Amino acid sequence: YDDRLRFGALNADFSELAHVAFEKEIKRKVRWPEDVFEWTISPSLGKGIKPGPYYNAWMTFRAKTLTQFAQEVRHEIRTVNPKAQLGVYAGSWYGEYPNLGNNWASPAQNGGFWFLTPEYRKSGMAPSIDFLVTGCYYPVATIHEAMGRGANIGATVEAAGMLTNRLVRDETWCYAGIALSDFKDNPRGLMNVLQAAVGSEQGVMVFDLSHDIEPMWKVFKQAFSIPRKPPHMAPEVLAAVRARRAIWDAMGLKEPPLPITVGSSGTGQ
């Protein structure tokens, strides 16, 4: 994996190890890699793919592999320290993540994305981790602000945070990641984004101390003048939240449709 818990791209991992594991998973032999997909070139030299008969099974296999890895890691660290917690960082634009093999959402979510087959949904990682940080590296704080600018409303901290929460469905805590480098000489912009982050998710992660943070300490002092513990420091609360969600699901309560506001590819990733 690279510096995130994900595969490097759509073409990873086609090693012989992956080949053997995939055939074991689907219990049949495959032409490798043609039965997964082939690269295509258009007359204008544009690159694309031609899915093979096991393309969907391969996408599910990759996501399932990462989720199982997260489960194994959490088990191992808790044999050493039962109170240890496992957090994962991922990009907030979920529509890009099938290419990277990480399904950070809840297995029970139904967001309407084209790749959400029933089997792919089951690979959701959210129940297997203690908190999730999604990169919302946008300089625009809110949907309202984006509308006023005539900009993409999905490329906002608020929209990214809302999407994260809806897809995770109370399975774990969600923190919005923001990039300090987006706000050089703009303390008011940073203040607005911090507000949008904690308003749309359950907390915020700021990246990072090396990005000329010194002029911004006054902003952080004002924003966090009243000390608070992050939610993941109280594991019993997450258990209660999950139990409440299970009751709602058992009652058949339906969530409203999920508005899919498109984020920016590569942002926060």
Protein backbone atom coordinates (compact mmCIF):
# COMPACT_ATOMS: atom_id res chain seq x y z
CA TYR A 1 0.00 0.00 0.00
CA ASP A 2 1.03 3.61 -0.37
CA ASP A 3 0.71 6.21 2.39
CA ARG A 4 -3.02 5.54 2.57
CA LEU A 5 -4.71 2.19 3.22
CA ARG A 6 -5.42 1.56 -0.45
CA PHE A 7 -3.98 0.08 -3.60
CA GLY A 8 -1.92 2.39 -5.79
CA ALA A 9 -4.34 2.44 -8.74
CA LEU A 10 -6.73 0.32 -10.78
CA ASN A 11 -3.83 -1.71 -12.15
CA ALA A 12 -2.66 -2.86 -8.70
CA ASP A 13 -2.21 -5.59 -7.62
CA PHE A 14 -1.86 -8.01 -10.55
CA SER A 15 0.95 -10.03 -9.01
CA GLU A 16 0.95 -13.81 -9.12
CA LEU A 17 0.13 -13.77 -5.40
CA ALA A 18 -3.02 -11.77 -6.14
CA HIS A 19 -3.83 -14.08 -9.06
CA VAL A 20 -3.75 -17.18 -6.86
CA ALA A 21 -5.72 -15.51 -4.06
CA PHE A 22 -8.39 -14.25 -6.46
CA GLU A 23 -8.93 -17.67 -8.02
CA LYS A 24 -9.23 -19.14 -4.55
CA GLU A 25 -11.80 -16.48 -3.65
CA ILE A 26 -14.06 -17.03 -6.67
CA LYS A 27 -13.32 -20.79 -6.87
CA ARG A 28 -12.49 -20.89 -10.56
CA LYS A 29 -9.63 -20.39 -12.98
CA VAL A 30 -9.38 -17.09 -14.84
CA ARG A 31 -7.48 -15.80 -17.85
CA TRP A 32 -5.08 -13.35 -16.25
CA PRO A 33 -5.66 -10.47 -16.45
CA GLU A 34 -8.08 -10.48 -19.41
CA ASP A 35 -10.95 -11.94 -17.38
CA VAL A 36 -10.65 -8.96 -15.03
CA PHE A 37 -10.09 -6.17 -17.54
CA GLU A 38 -8.00 -5.13 -20.52
CA TRP A 39 -6.60 -1.72 -21.40
CA THR A 40 -8.03 -0.14 -24.54
CA ILE A 41 -6.82 2.71 -26.75
CA SER A 42 -9.25 4.85 -28.74
CA PRO A 43 -8.46 6.24 -32.22
CA SER A 44 -7.63 9.54 -30.50
CA LEU A 45 -5.18 7.64 -28.24
CA GLY A 46 -7.41 7.94 -25.17
CA LYS A 47 -6.84 5.15 -22.65
CA GLY A 48 -9.75 3.13 -21.28
CA ILE A 49 -10.62 -0.32 -20.01
CA LYS A 50 -12.70 -3.22 -21.25
CA PRO A 51 -14.19 -5.04 -18.23
CA GLY A 52 -13.95 -8.80 -18.25
CA PRO A 53 -16.50 -11.28 -16.84
CA TYR A 54 -14.96 -11.09 -13.35
CA TYR A 55 -14.43 -7.34 -13.16
CA ASN A 56 -17.02 -6.78 -10.42
CA ALA A 57 -15.75 -9.78 -8.49
CA TRP A 58 -12.21 -8.37 -8.69
CA MET A 59 -13.27 -4.95 -7.40
CA THR A 60 -15.02 -6.64 -4.48
CA PHE A 61 -12.01 -8.88 -3.84
CA ARG A 62 -9.66 -5.90 -3.53
CA ALA A 63 -11.96 -4.02 -1.15
CA LYS A 64 -12.56 -7.15 0.91
CA THR A 65 -8.80 -7.73 1.13
CA LEU A 66 -8.19 -4.29 2.64
CA THR A 67 -11.06 -4.64 5.09
CA GLN A 68 -9.77 -8.01 6.25
CA PHE A 69 -6.32 -6.49 6.65
CA ALA A 70 -7.74 -3.71 8.84
CA GLN A 71 -9.51 -6.34 10.96
CA GLU A 72 -6.29 -8.30 11.38
CA VAL A 73 -4.33 -5.18 12.33
CA ARG A 74 -6.87 -4.17 14.96
CA HIS A 75 -6.90 -7.67 16.40
CA GLU A 76 -3.10 -7.76 16.62
CA ILE A 77 -2.67 -4.35 18.27
CA ARG A 78 -5.39 -5.15 20.79
CA THR A 79 -3.61 -8.31 21.87
CA VAL A 80 -0.84 -5.95 23.01
CA ASN A 81 -3.04 -3.11 24.25
CA PRO A 82 -6.79 -3.83 24.54
CA LYS A 83 -7.51 -0.09 24.57
CA ALA A 84 -5.59 0.65 21.36
CA GLN A 85 -7.62 2.19 18.57
CA LEU A 86 -7.31 1.88 14.82
CA GLY A 87 -8.03 4.85 12.60
CA VAL A 88 -7.87 5.03 8.81
CA TYR A 89 -7.35 8.03 6.56
CA ALA A 90 -9.06 8.12 3.15
CA GLY A 91 -10.14 10.62 0.55
CA SER A 92 -13.67 11.92 0.97
CA TRP A 93 -14.69 11.58 -2.69
CA TYR A 94 -16.09 8.06 -2.46
CA GLY A 95 -16.79 7.85 -6.18
CA GLU A 96 -13.05 7.59 -6.84
CA TYR A 97 -12.32 4.85 -4.36
CA PRO A 98 -13.22 1.68 -6.29
CA ASN A 99 -10.09 2.37 -8.35
CA LEU A 100 -8.09 2.33 -5.12
CA GLY A 101 -9.64 -0.75 -3.57
CA ASN A 102 -10.76 0.79 -0.28
CA ASN A 103 -14.45 0.64 0.60
CA TRP A 104 -14.43 2.80 3.73
CA ALA A 105 -18.22 2.97 3.97
CA SER A 106 -20.77 0.93 5.92
CA PRO A 107 -21.78 -2.47 4.49
CA ALA A 108 -25.40 -1.35 5.00
CA GLN A 109 -25.22 1.89 3.02
CA ASN A 110 -26.97 2.29 -0.33
CA GLY A 111 -25.59 5.45 -1.83
CA GLY A 112 -26.62 4.89 -5.44
CA PHE A 113 -23.09 4.74 -6.86
CA TRP A 114 -22.84 2.59 -9.99
CA PHE A 115 -20.27 0.21 -8.49
CA LEU A 116 -22.30 -0.70 -5.38
CA THR A 117 -23.21 -4.28 -6.14
CA PRO A 118 -24.60 -6.26 -3.18
CA GLU A 119 -21.28 -8.07 -2.82
CA TYR A 120 -19.22 -4.87 -2.97
CA ARG A 121 -21.32 -3.32 -0.21
CA LYS A 122 -20.47 -6.23 2.10
CA SER A 123 -16.79 -5.24 1.93
CA GLY A 124 -17.44 -2.01 3.83
CA MET A 125 -14.65 -1.22 6.29
CA ALA A 126 -16.41 1.20 8.66
CA PRO A 127 -17.42 -1.37 11.33
CA SER A 128 -13.82 -2.63 11.46
CA ILE A 129 -12.18 0.64 12.54
CA ASP A 130 -12.51 3.00 15.49
CA PHE A 131 -12.45 6.25 13.53
CA LEU A 132 -12.19 7.42 9.95
CA VAL A 133 -10.56 10.62 8.72
CA THR A 134 -11.71 11.67 5.25
CA GLY A 135 -9.69 14.23 3.36
CA CYS A 136 -11.87 17.26 2.69
CA TYR A 137 -9.03 19.38 1.30
CA TYR A 138 -11.16 22.16 -0.10
CA PRO A 139 -10.68 25.90 0.44
CA VAL A 140 -14.46 26.45 0.31
CA ALA A 141 -16.28 25.77 3.57
CA THR A 142 -19.98 25.44 2.81
CA ILE A 143 -22.46 24.60 0.08
CA HIS A 144 -23.95 28.08 0.46
CA GLU A 145 -20.57 29.67 -0.12
CA ALA A 146 -19.98 27.57 -3.24
CA MET A 147 -23.39 28.48 -4.65
CA GLY A 148 -22.59 32.15 -4.13
CA ARG A 149 -19.40 31.70 -6.14
CA GLY A 150 -21.06 29.63 -8.85
CA ALA A 151 -18.67 26.80 -7.93
CA ASN A 152 -19.05 23.03 -7.57
CA ILE A 153 -20.99 22.49 -4.33
CA GLY A 154 -19.49 19.02 -3.95
CA ALA A 155 -16.00 20.49 -3.65
CA THR A 156 -16.71 21.90 -0.20
CA VAL A 157 -15.87 20.72 3.29
CA GLU A 158 -19.55 20.65 4.23
CA ALA A 159 -20.64 18.49 1.27
CA ALA A 160 -17.70 16.11 1.70
CA GLY A 161 -18.47 15.75 5.39
CA MET A 162 -22.15 15.09 4.76
CA LEU A 163 -21.32 12.41 2.19
CA THR A 164 -18.91 10.74 4.60
CA ASN A 165 -21.48 10.64 7.41
CA ARG A 166 -24.23 9.24 5.23
CA LEU A 167 -22.05 6.50 3.78
CA VAL A 168 -20.63 5.45 7.16
CA ARG A 169 -24.08 5.24 8.80
CA ASP A 170 -22.92 5.52 12.43
CA GLU A 171 -20.53 2.55 12.11
CA THR A 172 -17.56 4.64 13.25
CA TRP A 173 -16.56 8.22 14.11
CA CYS A 174 -15.91 10.49 11.15
CA TYR A 175 -13.40 13.35 11.19
CA ALA A 176 -12.94 15.85 8.38
CA GLY A 177 -9.37 16.39 7.22
CA ILE A 178 -8.46 19.88 6.02
CA ALA A 179 -5.24 21.21 4.50
CA LEU A 180 -3.64 24.19 6.19
CA SER A 181 -1.82 25.07 2.98
CA ASP A 182 -5.16 26.13 1.44
CA PHE A 183 -5.40 29.08 3.84
CA LYS A 184 -2.06 30.86 3.77
CA ASP A 185 -2.68 34.51 4.77
CA ASN A 186 -6.39 33.70 5.10
CA PRO A 187 -7.20 33.10 8.79
CA ARG A 188 -10.89 33.85 8.25
CA GLY A 189 -11.07 31.15 5.60
CA LEU A 190 -9.46 28.69 7.99
CA MET A 191 -11.97 29.60 10.72
CA ASN A 192 -14.87 29.00 8.34
CA VAL A 193 -13.52 25.63 7.26
CA LEU A 194 -12.92 24.49 10.84
CA GLN A 195 -16.55 25.33 11.59
CA ALA A 196 -17.75 23.43 8.52
CA ALA A 197 -15.59 20.44 9.47
CA VAL A 198 -16.90 20.05 13.01
CA GLY A 199 -20.42 20.88 11.84
CA SER A 200 -20.58 18.18 9.20
CA GLU A 201 -18.52 15.41 10.85
CA GLN A 202 -17.69 14.58 14.46
CA GLY A 203 -14.31 16.28 14.51
CA VAL A 204 -11.44 17.66 12.47
CA MET A 205 -7.88 16.73 11.53
CA VAL A 206 -5.61 19.54 10.28
CA PHE A 207 -2.76 18.76 7.92
CA ASP A 208 -0.22 19.71 9.10
CA LEU A 209 2.28 21.36 11.48
CA SER A 210 4.85 21.92 8.73
CA HIS A 211 2.52 24.06 6.62
CA ASP A 212 3.29 27.50 8.09
CA ILE A 213 1.05 26.98 11.08
CA GLU A 214 2.60 29.65 13.29
CA PRO A 215 0.43 32.57 12.04
CA MET A 216 -2.68 30.42 12.57
CA TRP A 217 -2.26 29.52 16.24
CA LYS A 218 -4.57 32.39 17.21
CA VAL A 219 -7.29 30.89 15.02
CA PHE A 220 -6.96 27.49 16.71
CA LYS A 221 -6.92 29.09 20.14
CA GLN A 222 -10.21 30.80 19.39
CA ALA A 223 -11.80 27.82 17.67
CA PHE A 224 -10.91 25.38 20.45
CA SER A 225 -11.05 27.66 23.45
CA ILE A 226 -13.10 25.08 25.36
CA PRO A 227 -11.21 21.76 25.56
CA ARG A 228 -13.12 18.71 24.42
CA LYS A 229 -12.19 15.05 24.15
CA PRO A 230 -12.48 13.53 20.67
CA PRO A 231 -15.36 11.05 20.45
CA HIS A 232 -13.12 8.03 19.92
CA MET A 233 -11.78 8.51 23.44
CA ALA A 234 -15.13 7.21 24.72
CA PRO A 235 -15.60 3.79 23.04
CA GLU A 236 -18.80 3.10 24.94
CA VAL A 237 -20.48 6.00 23.13
CA LEU A 238 -19.81 4.49 19.71
CA ALA A 239 -21.33 1.23 20.94
CA ALA A 240 -24.46 3.15 21.98
CA VAL A 241 -24.66 4.95 18.62
CA ARG A 242 -24.36 1.67 16.72
CA ALA A 243 -27.06 0.12 18.90
CA ARG A 244 -29.41 3.03 18.19
CA ARG A 245 -28.82 2.65 14.45
CA ALA A 246 -29.56 -1.08 14.70
CA ILE A 247 -32.89 -0.30 16.37
CA TRP A 248 -33.81 2.14 13.61
CA ASP A 249 -32.90 -0.43 10.95
CA ALA A 250 -34.96 -3.12 12.72
CA MET A 251 -37.92 -0.73 12.74
CA GLY A 252 -37.56 -0.30 8.98
CA LEU A 253 -36.87 3.42 9.14
CA LYS A 254 -35.70 4.62 5.74
CA GLU A 255 -33.16 7.35 5.20
CA PRO A 256 -33.90 10.11 2.69
CA PRO A 257 -32.20 9.81 -0.70
CA LEU A 258 -28.49 10.54 -0.65
CA PRO A 259 -27.58 13.55 -2.80
CA ILE A 260 -24.34 12.71 -4.60
CA THR A 261 -22.45 15.96 -4.95
CA VAL A 262 -19.31 15.28 -6.93
CA GLY A 263 -16.01 16.01 -5.22
CA SER A 264 -12.66 16.65 -6.86
CA SER A 265 -10.56 13.70 -7.93
CA GLY A 266 -7.38 13.37 -5.89
CA THR A 267 -8.39 15.96 -3.31
CA GLY A 268 -7.26 15.01 0.18
CA GLN A 269 -5.77 11.81 -1.09
